[in-house]
Amino acid sequence: MLLIPCPHCGERAQVEFAYGGDATRQRPHDGAPDEAWYEYVYLRGNPRGPHREWWLHHGGCGQWIRVTRDTATHAVLGAEPAGGPPGDGAVSGIRPDGKGAEEGGRAPAGSAAAEAGGSVA
């Protein structure tokens, strides 16, 4: 079982989370060539080592987080709120009021998680 350090709730068991996909992929812009959409929808890498992923904390705060996980060992290296640019994977980004940068339970626009119906509200 993985223990995922939610930046909002602290370390929790994997069963409280739902995997949301690869956090390194960027959705092509409207009007992008068909080849760009083909690559985005169908072609996936199989990285070995540290990799960024979207996870939804459905059993807790309901927020999307960006987790850095080693795909070879399954070790969770860090997590951060989904809002804003990717950082170093450390648990950070908590505002003084205790809330993360991403409000409303939505995955960041343009992410695979958002395209999969990222609203949890």
PDB file of N, CA and C in Angstrom:
ATOM      1  N   MET A   1       0.841  -1.171   0.000  1.00  0.00           N
ATOM      2  CA  MET A   1       0.000   0.000   0.000  1.00  0.00           C
ATOM      3  C   MET A   1       0.893   1.243   0.000  1.00  0.00           C
ATOM      4  N   LEU A   2       0.522   2.210  -0.819  1.00  0.00           N
ATOM      5  CA  LEU A   2       1.237   3.480  -0.854  1.00  0.00           C
ATOM      6  C   LEU A   2       0.705   4.409   0.232  1.00  0.00           C
ATOM      7  N   LEU A   3       1.586   5.187   0.807  1.00  0.00           N
ATOM      8  CA  LEU A   3       1.194   6.273   1.697  1.00  0.00           C
ATOM      9  C   LEU A   3       1.485   7.561   0.940  1.00  0.00           C
ATOM     10  N   ILE A   4       0.449   8.352   0.693  1.00  0.00           N
ATOM     11  CA  ILE A   4       0.567   9.571  -0.098  1.00  0.00           C
ATOM     12  C   ILE A   4       0.462  10.773   0.828  1.00  0.00           C
ATOM     13  N   PRO A   5       1.455  11.674   0.787  1.00  0.00           N
ATOM     14  CA  PRO A   5       1.431  12.852   1.670  1.00  0.00           C
ATOM     15  C   PRO A   5       0.580  13.972   1.070  1.00  0.00           C
ATOM     16  N   CYS A   6      -0.697  13.986   1.403  1.00  0.00           N
ATOM     17  CA  CYS A   6      -1.575  15.051   0.904  1.00  0.00           C
ATOM     18  C   CYS A   6      -1.116  16.381   1.513  1.00  0.00           C
ATOM     19  N   PRO A   7      -0.892  17.416   0.678  1.00  0.00           N
ATOM     20  CA  PRO A   7      -0.463  18.701   1.221  1.00  0.00           C
ATOM     21  C   PRO A   7      -1.529  19.372   2.080  1.00  0.00           C
ATOM     22  N   HIS A   8      -2.781  18.917   1.978  1.00  0.00           N
ATOM     23  CA  HIS A   8      -3.880  19.514   2.727  1.00  0.00           C
ATOM     24  C   HIS A   8      -4.210  18.730   3.998  1.00  0.00           C
ATOM     25  N   CYS A   9      -4.036  17.394   3.956  1.00  0.00           N
ATOM     26  CA  CYS A   9      -4.498  16.539   5.048  1.00  0.00           C
ATOM     27  C   CYS A   9      -3.398  15.751   5.747  1.00  0.00           C
ATOM     28  N   GLY A  10      -2.212  15.730   5.174  1.00  0.00           N
ATOM     29  CA  GLY A  10      -1.142  14.911   5.726  1.00  0.00           C
ATOM     30  C   GLY A  10      -1.092  13.557   5.042  1.00  0.00           C
ATOM     31  N   GLU A  11      -0.251  12.680   5.559  1.00  0.00           N
ATOM     32  CA  GLU A  11      -0.039  11.374   4.941  1.00  0.00           C
ATOM     33  C   GLU A  11      -1.276  10.498   5.105  1.00  0.00           C
ATOM     34  N   ARG A  12      -1.724   9.914   3.989  1.00  0.00           N
ATOM     35  CA  ARG A  12      -2.915   9.072   3.988  1.00  0.00           C
ATOM     36  C   ARG A  12      -2.660   7.832   3.123  1.00  0.00           C
ATOM     37  N   ALA A  13      -3.460   6.797   3.325  1.00  0.00           N
ATOM     38  CA  ALA A  13      -3.357   5.557   2.555  1.00  0.00           C
ATOM     39  C   ALA A  13      -3.853   5.775   1.126  1.00  0.00           C
ATOM     40  N   GLN A  14      -3.294   5.005   0.221  1.00  0.00           N
ATOM     41  CA  GLN A  14      -3.636   5.104  -1.195  1.00  0.00           C
ATOM     42  C   GLN A  14      -5.127   4.896  -1.456  1.00  0.00           C
ATOM     43  N   VAL A  15      -5.808   4.112  -0.626  1.00  0.00           N
ATOM     44  CA  VAL A  15      -7.224   3.822  -0.849  1.00  0.00           C
ATOM     45  C   VAL A  15      -8.089   5.075  -0.786  1.00  0.00           C
ATOM     46  N   GLU A  16      -7.575   6.160  -0.203  1.00  0.00           N
ATOM     47  CA  GLU A  16      -8.312   7.420  -0.149  1.00  0.00           C
ATOM     48  C   GLU A  16      -8.169   8.230  -1.434  1.00  0.00           C
ATOM     49  N   PHE A  17      -7.339   7.771  -2.363  1.00  0.00           N
ATOM     50  CA  PHE A  17      -7.030   8.529  -3.570  1.00  0.00           C
ATOM     51  C   PHE A  17      -7.454   7.781  -4.824  1.00  0.00           C
ATOM     52  N   ALA A  18      -7.662   8.535  -5.880  1.00  0.00           N
ATOM     53  CA  ALA A  18      -7.908   7.973  -7.211  1.00  0.00           C
ATOM     54  C   ALA A  18      -6.843   8.522  -8.156  1.00  0.00           C
ATOM     55  N   TYR A  19      -6.239   7.629  -8.926  1.00  0.00           N
ATOM     56  CA  TYR A  19      -5.202   8.022  -9.877  1.00  0.00           C
ATOM     57  C   TYR A  19      -5.833   8.831 -11.012  1.00  0.00           C
ATOM     58  N   GLY A  20      -5.201   9.940 -11.371  1.00  0.00           N
ATOM     59  CA  GLY A  20      -5.759  10.814 -12.401  1.00  0.00           C
ATOM     60  C   GLY A  20      -4.951  10.911 -13.665  1.00  0.00           C
ATOM     61  N   GLY A  21      -3.822  10.244 -13.745  1.00  0.00           N
ATOM     62  CA  GLY A  21      -3.052  10.248 -14.985  1.00  0.00           C
ATOM     63  C   GLY A  21      -1.711  10.941 -14.860  1.00  0.00           C
ATOM     64  N   ASP A  22      -1.049  11.009 -15.986  1.00  0.00           N
ATOM     65  CA  ASP A  22       0.281  11.587 -16.132  1.00  0.00           C
ATOM     66  C   ASP A  22       0.208  13.105 -15.999  1.00  0.00           C
ATOM     67  N   ALA A  23       0.932  13.662 -15.041  1.00  0.00           N
ATOM     68  CA  ALA A  23       0.897  15.114 -14.809  1.00  0.00           C
ATOM     69  C   ALA A  23       1.893  15.871 -15.673  1.00  0.00           C
ATOM     70  N   THR A  24       2.628  15.159 -16.522  1.00  0.00           N
ATOM     71  CA  THR A  24       3.606  15.842 -17.373  1.00  0.00           C
ATOM     72  C   THR A  24       3.056  16.144 -18.758  1.00  0.00           C
ATOM     73  N   ARG A  25       1.916  15.593 -19.095  1.00  0.00           N
ATOM     74  CA  ARG A  25       1.348  15.794 -20.438  1.00  0.00           C
ATOM     75  C   ARG A  25       0.599  17.110 -20.514  1.00  0.00           C
ATOM     76  N   GLN A  26       0.734  17.786 -21.636  1.00  0.00           N
ATOM     77  CA  GLN A  26       0.023  19.030 -21.870  1.00  0.00           C
ATOM     78  C   GLN A  26      -0.957  18.843 -23.016  1.00  0.00           C
ATOM     79  N   ARG A  27      -2.187  19.264 -22.818  1.00  0.00           N
ATOM     80  CA  ARG A  27      -3.227  19.163 -23.835  1.00  0.00           C
ATOM     81  C   ARG A  27      -2.872  20.086 -24.996  1.00  0.00           C
ATOM     82  N   PRO A  28      -2.991  19.593 -26.247  1.00  0.00           N
ATOM     83  CA  PRO A  28      -2.730  20.469 -27.398  1.00  0.00           C
ATOM     84  C   PRO A  28      -3.722  21.627 -27.445  1.00  0.00           C
ATOM     85  N   HIS A  29      -3.304  22.720 -28.010  1.00  0.00           N
ATOM     86  CA  HIS A  29      -4.182  23.884 -28.125  1.00  0.00           C
ATOM     87  C   HIS A  29      -5.261  23.625 -29.162  1.00  0.00           C
ATOM     88  N   ASP A  30      -6.359  24.362 -29.076  1.00  0.00           N
ATOM     89  CA  ASP A  30      -7.427  24.237 -30.061  1.00  0.00           C
ATOM     90  C   ASP A  30      -6.853  24.556 -31.430  1.00  0.00           C
ATOM     91  N   GLY A  31      -7.190  23.766 -32.416  1.00  0.00           N
ATOM     92  CA  GLY A  31      -6.679  23.973 -33.762  1.00  0.00           C
ATOM     93  C   GLY A  31      -5.340  23.305 -34.013  1.00  0.00           C
ATOM     94  N   ALA A  32      -4.843  22.558 -33.027  1.00  0.00           N
ATOM     95  CA  ALA A  32      -3.573  21.843 -33.210  1.00  0.00           C
ATOM     96  C   ALA A  32      -3.756  20.771 -34.280  1.00  0.00           C
ATOM     97  N   PRO A  33      -2.687  20.410 -34.973  1.00  0.00           N
ATOM     98  CA  PRO A  33      -2.802  19.387 -36.015  1.00  0.00           C
ATOM     99  C   PRO A  33      -3.256  18.039 -35.434  1.00  0.00           C
ATOM    100  N   ASP A  34      -3.861  17.218 -36.278  1.00  0.00           N
ATOM    101  CA  ASP A  34      -4.346  15.906 -35.856  1.00  0.00           C
ATOM    102  C   ASP A  34      -3.241  15.058 -35.231  1.00  0.00           C
ATOM    103  N   GLU A  35      -2.009  15.199 -35.723  1.00  0.00           N
ATOM    104  CA  GLU A  35      -0.897  14.415 -35.189  1.00  0.00           C
ATOM    105  C   GLU A  35      -0.665  14.727 -33.708  1.00  0.00           C
ATOM    106  N   ALA A  36      -0.799  16.005 -33.340  1.00  0.00           N
ATOM    107  CA  ALA A  36      -0.616  16.400 -31.939  1.00  0.00           C
ATOM    108  C   ALA A  36      -1.698  15.769 -31.061  1.00  0.00           C
ATOM    109  N   TRP A  37      -2.936  15.757 -31.558  1.00  0.00           N
ATOM    110  CA  TRP A  37      -4.022  15.144 -30.797  1.00  0.00           C
ATOM    111  C   TRP A  37      -3.851  13.635 -30.714  1.00  0.00           C
ATOM    112  N   TYR A  38      -3.393  13.015 -31.795  1.00  0.00           N
ATOM    113  CA  TYR A  38      -3.150  11.576 -31.790  1.00  0.00           C
ATOM    114  C   TYR A  38      -2.122  11.225 -30.708  1.00  0.00           C
ATOM    115  N   GLU A  39      -1.025  11.957 -30.671  1.00  0.00           N
ATOM    116  CA  GLU A  39       0.008  11.707 -29.672  1.00  0.00           C
ATOM    117  C   GLU A  39      -0.532  11.905 -28.257  1.00  0.00           C
ATOM    118  N   TYR A  40      -1.321  12.964 -28.055  1.00  0.00           N
ATOM    119  CA  TYR A  40      -1.856  13.269 -26.725  1.00  0.00           C
ATOM    120  C   TYR A  40      -2.820  12.178 -26.243  1.00  0.00           C
ATOM    121  N   VAL A  41      -3.686  11.701 -27.137  1.00  0.00           N
ATOM    122  CA  VAL A  41      -4.724  10.751 -26.748  1.00  0.00           C
ATOM    123  C   VAL A  41      -4.213   9.314 -26.668  1.00  0.00           C
ATOM    124  N   TYR A  42      -3.370   8.905 -27.624  1.00  0.00           N
ATOM    125  CA  TYR A  42      -3.036   7.488 -27.741  1.00  0.00           C
ATOM    126  C   TYR A  42      -1.626   7.080 -27.330  1.00  0.00           C
ATOM    127  N   LEU A  43      -0.658   7.954 -27.455  1.00  0.00           N
ATOM    128  CA  LEU A  43       0.719   7.545 -27.198  1.00  0.00           C
ATOM    129  C   LEU A  43       1.110   7.867 -25.763  1.00  0.00           C
ATOM    130  N   ARG A  44       1.592   6.872 -25.072  1.00  0.00           N
ATOM    131  CA  ARG A  44       1.995   7.044 -23.676  1.00  0.00           C
ATOM    132  C   ARG A  44       3.385   6.446 -23.478  1.00  0.00           C
ATOM    133  N   GLY A  45       4.174   7.126 -22.678  1.00  0.00           N
ATOM    134  CA  GLY A  45       5.468   6.585 -22.302  1.00  0.00           C
ATOM    135  C   GLY A  45       5.295   5.628 -21.140  1.00  0.00           C
ATOM    136  N   ASN A  46       6.321   4.898 -20.852  1.00  0.00           N
ATOM    137  CA  ASN A  46       6.329   4.012 -19.704  1.00  0.00           C
ATOM    138  C   ASN A  46       7.610   4.309 -18.931  1.00  0.00           C
ATOM    139  N   PRO A  47       7.641   5.470 -18.260  1.00  0.00           N
ATOM    140  CA  PRO A  47       8.887   5.905 -17.623  1.00  0.00           C
ATOM    141  C   PRO A  47       9.292   5.004 -16.455  1.00  0.00           C
ATOM    142  N   ARG A  48      10.582   4.896 -16.279  1.00  0.00           N
ATOM    143  CA  ARG A  48      11.120   4.172 -15.125  1.00  0.00           C
ATOM    144  C   ARG A  48      11.841   5.203 -14.276  1.00  0.00           C
ATOM    145  N   GLY A  49      11.461   5.282 -13.017  1.00  0.00           N
ATOM    146  CA  GLY A  49      12.072   6.252 -12.126  1.00  0.00           C
ATOM    147  C   GLY A  49      11.056   7.304 -11.693  1.00  0.00           C
ATOM    148  N   PRO A  50      11.534   8.439 -11.179  1.00  0.00           N
ATOM    149  CA  PRO A  50      10.627   9.487 -10.700  1.00  0.00           C
ATOM    150  C   PRO A  50       9.711  10.008 -11.805  1.00  0.00           C
ATOM    151  N   HIS A  51       8.445  10.145 -11.485  1.00  0.00           N
ATOM    152  CA  HIS A  51       7.438  10.563 -12.463  1.00  0.00           C
ATOM    153  C   HIS A  51       6.334  11.334 -11.738  1.00  0.00           C
ATOM    154  N   ARG A  52       5.804  12.378 -12.389  1.00  0.00           N
ATOM    155  CA  ARG A  52       4.717  13.180 -11.813  1.00  0.00           C
ATOM    156  C   ARG A  52       3.361  12.634 -12.257  1.00  0.00           C
ATOM    157  N   GLU A  53       2.445  12.534 -11.282  1.00  0.00           N
ATOM    158  CA  GLU A  53       1.119  11.990 -11.542  1.00  0.00           C
ATOM    159  C   GLU A  53       0.055  12.847 -10.852  1.00  0.00           C
ATOM    160  N   TRP A  54      -1.152  12.854 -11.424  1.00  0.00           N
ATOM    161  CA  TRP A  54      -2.305  13.491 -10.771  1.00  0.00           C
ATOM    162  C   TRP A  54      -2.981  12.459  -9.890  1.00  0.00           C
ATOM    163  N   TRP A  55      -3.337  12.858  -8.671  1.00  0.00           N
ATOM    164  CA  TRP A  55      -4.113  12.019  -7.765  1.00  0.00           C
ATOM    165  C   TRP A  55      -5.214  12.879  -7.155  1.00  0.00           C
ATOM    166  N   LEU A  56      -6.407  12.313  -7.044  1.00  0.00           N
ATOM    167  CA  LEU A  56      -7.548  12.987  -6.430  1.00  0.00           C
ATOM    168  C   LEU A  56      -7.751  12.421  -5.033  1.00  0.00           C
ATOM    169  N   HIS A  57      -7.776  13.292  -4.031  1.00  0.00           N
ATOM    170  CA  HIS A  57      -7.995  12.834  -2.658  1.00  0.00           C
ATOM    171  C   HIS A  57      -9.500  12.781  -2.390  1.00  0.00           C
ATOM    172  N   HIS A  58     -10.154  11.808  -2.996  1.00  0.00           N
ATOM    173  CA  HIS A  58     -11.618  11.697  -2.891  1.00  0.00           C
ATOM    174  C   HIS A  58     -12.074  11.290  -1.500  1.00  0.00           C
ATOM    175  N   GLY A  59     -11.238  10.595  -0.742  1.00  0.00           N
ATOM    176  CA  GLY A  59     -11.608  10.154   0.599  1.00  0.00           C
ATOM    177  C   GLY A  59     -11.214  11.135   1.686  1.00  0.00           C
ATOM    178  N   GLY A  60     -10.814  12.327   1.276  1.00  0.00           N
ATOM    179  CA  GLY A  60     -10.383  13.337   2.246  1.00  0.00           C
ATOM    180  C   GLY A  60     -10.855  14.710   1.817  1.00  0.00           C
ATOM    181  N   CYS A  61      -9.906  15.560   1.458  1.00  0.00           N
ATOM    182  CA  CYS A  61     -10.203  16.961   1.160  1.00  0.00           C
ATOM    183  C   CYS A  61     -10.862  17.182  -0.201  1.00  0.00           C
ATOM    184  N   GLY A  62     -10.844  16.182  -1.080  1.00  0.00           N
ATOM    185  CA  GLY A  62     -11.465  16.327  -2.393  1.00  0.00           C
ATOM    186  C   GLY A  62     -10.637  17.134  -3.379  1.00  0.00           C
ATOM    187  N   GLN A  63      -9.388  17.386  -3.062  1.00  0.00           N
ATOM    188  CA  GLN A  63      -8.525  18.203  -3.916  1.00  0.00           C
ATOM    189  C   GLN A  63      -7.636  17.332  -4.797  1.00  0.00           C
ATOM    190  N   TRP A  64      -7.314  17.852  -5.986  1.00  0.00           N
ATOM    191  CA  TRP A  64      -6.321  17.236  -6.854  1.00  0.00           C
ATOM    192  C   TRP A  64      -4.942  17.622  -6.344  1.00  0.00           C
ATOM    193  N   ILE A  65      -4.030  16.652  -6.363  1.00  0.00           N
ATOM    194  CA  ILE A  65      -2.646  16.932  -6.003  1.00  0.00           C
ATOM    195  C   ILE A  65      -1.726  16.349  -7.073  1.00  0.00           C
ATOM    196  N   ARG A  66      -0.526  16.881  -7.139  1.00  0.00           N
ATOM    197  CA  ARG A  66       0.488  16.397  -8.075  1.00  0.00           C
ATOM    198  C   ARG A  66       1.512  15.622  -7.237  1.00  0.00           C
ATOM    199  N   VAL A  67       1.606  14.316  -7.489  1.00  0.00           N
ATOM    200  CA  VAL A  67       2.473  13.430  -6.713  1.00  0.00           C
ATOM    201  C   VAL A  67       3.686  13.050  -7.554  1.00  0.00           C
ATOM    202  N   THR A  68       4.852  13.040  -6.943  1.00  0.00           N
ATOM    203  CA  THR A  68       6.052  12.520  -7.595  1.00  0.00           C
ATOM    204  C   THR A  68       6.303  11.144  -6.998  1.00  0.00           C
ATOM    205  N   ARG A  69       6.278  10.133  -7.891  1.00  0.00           N
ATOM    206  CA  ARG A  69       6.402   8.742  -7.456  1.00  0.00           C
ATOM    207  C   ARG A  69       7.434   8.045  -8.330  1.00  0.00           C
ATOM    208  N   ASP A  70       8.252   7.200  -7.719  1.00  0.00           N
ATOM    209  CA  ASP A  70       9.223   6.409  -8.468  1.00  0.00           C
ATOM    210  C   ASP A  70       8.489   5.185  -9.000  1.00  0.00           C
ATOM    211  N   THR A  71       8.391   5.065 -10.322  1.00  0.00           N
ATOM    212  CA  THR A  71       7.634   3.968 -10.920  1.00  0.00           C
ATOM    213  C   THR A  71       8.339   2.627 -10.793  1.00  0.00           C
ATOM    214  N   ALA A  72       9.639   2.633 -10.501  1.00  0.00           N
ATOM    215  CA  ALA A  72      10.370   1.380 -10.336  1.00  0.00           C
ATOM    216  C   ALA A  72      10.185   0.796  -8.929  1.00  0.00           C
ATOM    217  N   THR A  73      10.124   1.657  -7.928  1.00  0.00           N
ATOM    218  CA  THR A  73      10.035   1.189  -6.543  1.00  0.00           C
ATOM    219  C   THR A  73       8.687   1.499  -5.893  1.00  0.00           C
ATOM    220  N   HIS A  74       7.871   2.330  -6.530  1.00  0.00           N
ATOM    221  CA  HIS A  74       6.590   2.819  -6.010  1.00  0.00           C
ATOM    222  C   HIS A  74       6.760   3.753  -4.817  1.00  0.00           C
ATOM    223  N   ALA A  75       7.968   4.169  -4.532  1.00  0.00           N
ATOM    224  CA  ALA A  75       8.205   5.103  -3.434  1.00  0.00           C
ATOM    225  C   ALA A  75       7.630   6.470  -3.802  1.00  0.00           C
ATOM    226  N   VAL A  76       6.859   7.042  -2.906  1.00  0.00           N
ATOM    227  CA  VAL A  76       6.315   8.377  -3.105  1.00  0.00           C
ATOM    228  C   VAL A  76       7.369   9.365  -2.626  1.00  0.00           C
ATOM    229  N   LEU A  77       7.819  10.228  -3.538  1.00  0.00           N
ATOM    230  CA  LEU A  77       8.905  11.150  -3.253  1.00  0.00           C
ATOM    231  C   LEU A  77       8.419  12.512  -2.787  1.00  0.00           C
ATOM    232  N   GLY A  78       7.141  12.816  -3.010  1.00  0.00           N
ATOM    233  CA  GLY A  78       6.599  14.092  -2.575  1.00  0.00           C
ATOM    234  C   GLY A  78       5.256  14.362  -3.215  1.00  0.00           C
ATOM    235  N   ALA A  79       4.623  15.423  -2.772  1.00  0.00           N
ATOM    236  CA  ALA A  79       3.326  15.826  -3.316  1.00  0.00           C
ATOM    237  C   ALA A  79       3.170  17.317  -3.136  1.00  0.00           C
ATOM    238  N   GLU A  80       2.357  17.916  -3.995  1.00  0.00           N
ATOM    239  CA  GLU A  80       2.109  19.359  -3.927  1.00  0.00           C
ATOM    240  C   GLU A  80       0.696  19.628  -4.415  1.00  0.00           C
ATOM    241  N   PRO A  81       0.114  20.762  -4.037  1.00  0.00           N
ATOM    242  CA  PRO A  81      -1.219  21.107  -4.540  1.00  0.00           C
ATOM    243  C   PRO A  81      -1.211  21.180  -6.059  1.00  0.00           C
ATOM    244  N   ALA A  82      -2.339  20.900  -6.664  1.00  0.00           N
ATOM    245  CA  ALA A  82      -2.424  20.866  -8.126  1.00  0.00           C
ATOM    246  C   ALA A  82      -2.288  22.239  -8.762  1.00  0.00           C
ATOM    247  N   GLY A  83      -2.671  23.308  -8.082  1.00  0.00           N
ATOM    248  CA  GLY A  83      -2.632  24.631  -8.687  1.00  0.00           C
ATOM    249  C   GLY A  83      -1.224  25.153  -8.833  1.00  0.00           C
ATOM    250  N   GLY A  84      -1.026  25.964  -9.852  1.00  0.00           N
ATOM    251  CA  GLY A  84       0.270  26.594 -10.049  1.00  0.00           C
ATOM    252  C   GLY A  84       1.232  25.716 -10.818  1.00  0.00           C
ATOM    253  N   PRO A  85       2.405  26.247 -11.112  1.00  0.00           N
ATOM    254  CA  PRO A  85       3.389  25.491 -11.880  1.00  0.00           C
ATOM    255  C   PRO A  85       4.004  24.382 -11.035  1.00  0.00           C
ATOM    256  N   PRO A  86       4.468  23.311 -11.698  1.00  0.00           N
ATOM    257  CA  PRO A  86       5.094  22.229 -10.948  1.00  0.00           C
ATOM    258  C   PRO A  86       6.324  22.713 -10.208  1.00  0.00           C
ATOM    259  N   GLY A  87       6.459  22.241  -8.995  1.00  0.00           N
ATOM    260  CA  GLY A  87       7.638  22.574  -8.204  1.00  0.00           C
ATOM    261  C   GLY A  87       8.601  21.409  -8.195  1.00  0.00           C
ATOM    262  N   ASP A  88       9.244  21.185  -7.086  1.00  0.00           N
ATOM    263  CA  ASP A  88      10.213  20.101  -6.987  1.00  0.00           C
ATOM    264  C   ASP A  88       9.600  18.813  -6.450  1.00  0.00           C
ATOM    265  N   GLY A  89       8.276  18.778  -6.279  1.00  0.00           N
ATOM    266  CA  GLY A  89       7.608  17.582  -5.784  1.00  0.00           C
ATOM    267  C   GLY A  89       7.490  17.538  -4.280  1.00  0.00           C
ATOM    268  N   ALA A  90       8.071  18.505  -3.583  1.00  0.00           N
ATOM    269  CA  ALA A  90       7.996  18.525  -2.124  1.00  0.00           C
ATOM    270  C   ALA A  90       6.601  18.928  -1.687  1.00  0.00           C
ATOM    271  N   VAL A  91       6.228  18.538  -0.513  1.00  0.00           N
ATOM    272  CA  VAL A  91       4.938  18.950   0.029  1.00  0.00           C
ATOM    273  C   VAL A  91       5.056  20.422   0.375  1.00  0.00           C
ATOM    274  N   SER A  92       4.420  21.249  -0.424  1.00  0.00           N
ATOM    275  CA  SER A  92       4.524  22.692  -0.231  1.00  0.00           C
ATOM    276  C   SER A  92       3.319  23.370  -0.857  1.00  0.00           C
ATOM    277  N   GLY A  93       3.298  24.674  -0.808  1.00  0.00           N
ATOM    278  CA  GLY A  93       2.243  25.434  -1.454  1.00  0.00           C
ATOM    279  C   GLY A  93       1.044  25.700  -0.588  1.00  0.00           C
ATOM    280  N   ILE A  94       1.127  25.452   0.687  1.00  0.00           N
ATOM    281  CA  ILE A  94      -0.003  25.711   1.570  1.00  0.00           C
ATOM    282  C   ILE A  94      -0.009  27.187   1.942  1.00  0.00           C
ATOM    283  N   ARG A  95      -1.162  27.812   1.769  1.00  0.00           N
ATOM    284  CA  ARG A  95      -1.307  29.215   2.113  1.00  0.00           C
ATOM    285  C   ARG A  95      -1.432  29.374   3.620  1.00  0.00           C
ATOM    286  N   PRO A  96      -1.263  30.587   4.134  1.00  0.00           N
ATOM    287  CA  PRO A  96      -1.393  30.794   5.585  1.00  0.00           C
ATOM    288  C   PRO A  96      -2.739  30.371   6.150  1.00  0.00           C
ATOM    289  N   ASP A  97      -3.813  30.393   5.332  1.00  0.00           N
ATOM    290  CA  ASP A  97      -5.128  29.982   5.834  1.00  0.00           C
ATOM    291  C   ASP A  97      -5.310  28.464   5.823  1.00  0.00           C
ATOM    292  N   GLY A  98      -4.239  27.737   5.432  1.00  0.00           N
ATOM    293  CA  GLY A  98      -4.293  26.283   5.460  1.00  0.00           C
ATOM    294  C   GLY A  98      -4.812  25.651   4.196  1.00  0.00           C
ATOM    295  N   LYS A  99      -5.227  26.450   3.213  1.00  0.00           N
ATOM    296  CA  LYS A  99      -5.759  25.908   1.963  1.00  0.00           C
ATOM    297  C   LYS A  99      -4.663  25.888   0.910  1.00  0.00           C
ATOM    298  N   GLY A 100      -4.831  24.991  -0.057  1.00  0.00           N
ATOM    299  CA  GLY A 100      -3.878  24.903  -1.150  1.00  0.00           C
ATOM    300  C   GLY A 100      -4.152  25.950  -2.204  1.00  0.00           C
ATOM    301  N   ALA A 101      -3.275  26.024  -3.181  1.00  0.00           N
ATOM    302  CA  ALA A 101      -3.402  27.017  -4.244  1.00  0.00           C
ATOM    303  C   ALA A 101      -4.586  26.734  -5.153  1.00  0.00           C
ATOM    304  N   GLU A 102      -4.993  25.479  -5.292  1.00  0.00           N
ATOM    305  CA  GLU A 102      -6.094  25.115  -6.174  1.00  0.00           C
ATOM    306  C   GLU A 102      -7.365  25.033  -5.345  1.00  0.00           C
ATOM    307  N   GLU A 103      -8.331  25.858  -5.633  1.00  0.00           N
ATOM    308  CA  GLU A 103      -9.582  25.866  -4.892  1.00  0.00           C
ATOM    309  C   GLU A 103     -10.697  25.253  -5.734  1.00  0.00           C
ATOM    310  N   GLY A 104     -11.727  24.800  -5.084  1.00  0.00           N
ATOM    311  CA  GLY A 104     -12.911  24.327  -5.780  1.00  0.00           C
ATOM    312  C   GLY A 104     -12.848  22.876  -6.208  1.00  0.00           C
ATOM    313  N   GLY A 105     -11.797  22.155  -5.876  1.00  0.00           N
ATOM    314  CA  GLY A 105     -11.737  20.739  -6.188  1.00  0.00           C
ATOM    315  C   GLY A 105     -11.581  20.432  -7.653  1.00  0.00           C
ATOM    316  N   ARG A 106     -11.005  21.316  -8.431  1.00  0.00           N
ATOM    317  CA  ARG A 106     -10.849  21.078  -9.859  1.00  0.00           C
ATOM    318  C   ARG A 106      -9.387  20.872 -10.206  1.00  0.00           C
ATOM    319  N   ALA A 107      -9.183  19.974 -11.162  1.00  0.00           N
ATOM    320  CA  ALA A 107      -7.829  19.770 -11.669  1.00  0.00           C
ATOM    321  C   ALA A 107      -7.457  20.974 -12.531  1.00  0.00           C
ATOM    322  N   PRO A 108      -6.173  21.270 -12.655  1.00  0.00           N
ATOM    323  CA  PRO A 108      -5.741  22.409 -13.467  1.00  0.00           C
ATOM    324  C   PRO A 108      -6.202  22.278 -14.909  1.00  0.00           C
ATOM    325  N   ALA A 109      -6.624  23.371 -15.500  1.00  0.00           N
ATOM    326  CA  ALA A 109      -7.083  23.380 -16.886  1.00  0.00           C
ATOM    327  C   ALA A 109      -5.988  22.853 -17.794  1.00  0.00           C
ATOM    328  N   GLY A 110      -6.381  22.045 -18.770  1.00  0.00           N
ATOM    329  CA  GLY A 110      -5.435  21.516 -19.729  1.00  0.00           C
ATOM    330  C   GLY A 110      -4.768  20.231 -19.289  1.00  0.00           C
ATOM    331  N   SER A 111      -5.017  19.797 -18.057  1.00  0.00           N
ATOM    332  CA  SER A 111      -4.412  18.560 -17.579  1.00  0.00           C
ATOM    333  C   SER A 111      -5.268  17.376 -18.002  1.00  0.00           C
ATOM    334  N   ALA A 112      -4.657  16.206 -18.018  1.00  0.00           N
ATOM    335  CA  ALA A 112      -5.400  14.998 -18.337  1.00  0.00           C
ATOM    336  C   ALA A 112      -6.521  14.783 -17.328  1.00  0.00           C
ATOM    337  N   ALA A 113      -6.258  15.127 -16.075  1.00  0.00           N
ATOM    338  CA  ALA A 113      -7.275  14.962 -15.039  1.00  0.00           C
ATOM    339  C   ALA A 113      -8.468  15.875 -15.295  1.00  0.00           C
ATOM    340  N   ALA A 114      -8.222  17.110 -15.736  1.00  0.00           N
ATOM    341  CA  ALA A 114      -9.316  18.023 -16.029  1.00  0.00           C
ATOM    342  C   ALA A 114     -10.129  17.544 -17.213  1.00  0.00           C
ATOM    343  N   GLU A 115      -9.447  16.987 -18.215  1.00  0.00           N
ATOM    344  CA  GLU A 115     -10.142  16.492 -19.388  1.00  0.00           C
ATOM    345  C   GLU A 115     -11.002  15.279 -19.061  1.00  0.00           C
ATOM    346  N   ALA A 116     -10.663  14.575 -17.992  1.00  0.00           N
ATOM    347  CA  ALA A 116     -11.415  13.399 -17.584  1.00  0.00           C
ATOM    348  C   ALA A 116     -12.546  13.764 -16.630  1.00  0.00           C
ATOM    349  N   GLY A 117     -12.915  15.023 -16.581  1.00  0.00           N
ATOM    350  CA  GLY A 117     -13.986  15.459 -15.687  1.00  0.00           C
ATOM    351  C   GLY A 117     -13.465  15.794 -14.319  1.00  0.00           C
ATOM    352  N   GLY A 118     -12.506  16.709 -14.253  1.00  0.00           N
ATOM    353  CA  GLY A 118     -11.782  17.023 -13.035  1.00  0.00           C
ATOM    354  C   GLY A 118     -12.577  17.675 -11.925  1.00  0.00           C
ATOM    355  N   SER A 119     -13.867  17.912 -12.066  1.00  0.00           N
ATOM    356  CA  SER A 119     -14.620  18.531 -10.997  1.00  0.00           C
ATOM    357  C   SER A 119     -14.997  17.491  -9.963  1.00  0.00           C
ATOM    358  N   VAL A 120     -14.783  17.829  -8.707  1.00  0.00           N
ATOM    359  CA  VAL A 120     -15.184  16.940  -7.620  1.00  0.00           C
ATOM    360  C   VAL A 120     -16.148  17.624  -6.679  1.00  0.00           C
ATOM    361  N   ALA A 121     -16.534  18.837  -7.005  1.00  0.00           N
ATOM    362  CA  ALA A 121     -17.398  19.612  -6.118  1.00  0.00           C
ATOM    363  C   ALA A 121     -18.827  19.121  -6.188  1.00  0.00           C
TER     364      ALA A 121
END
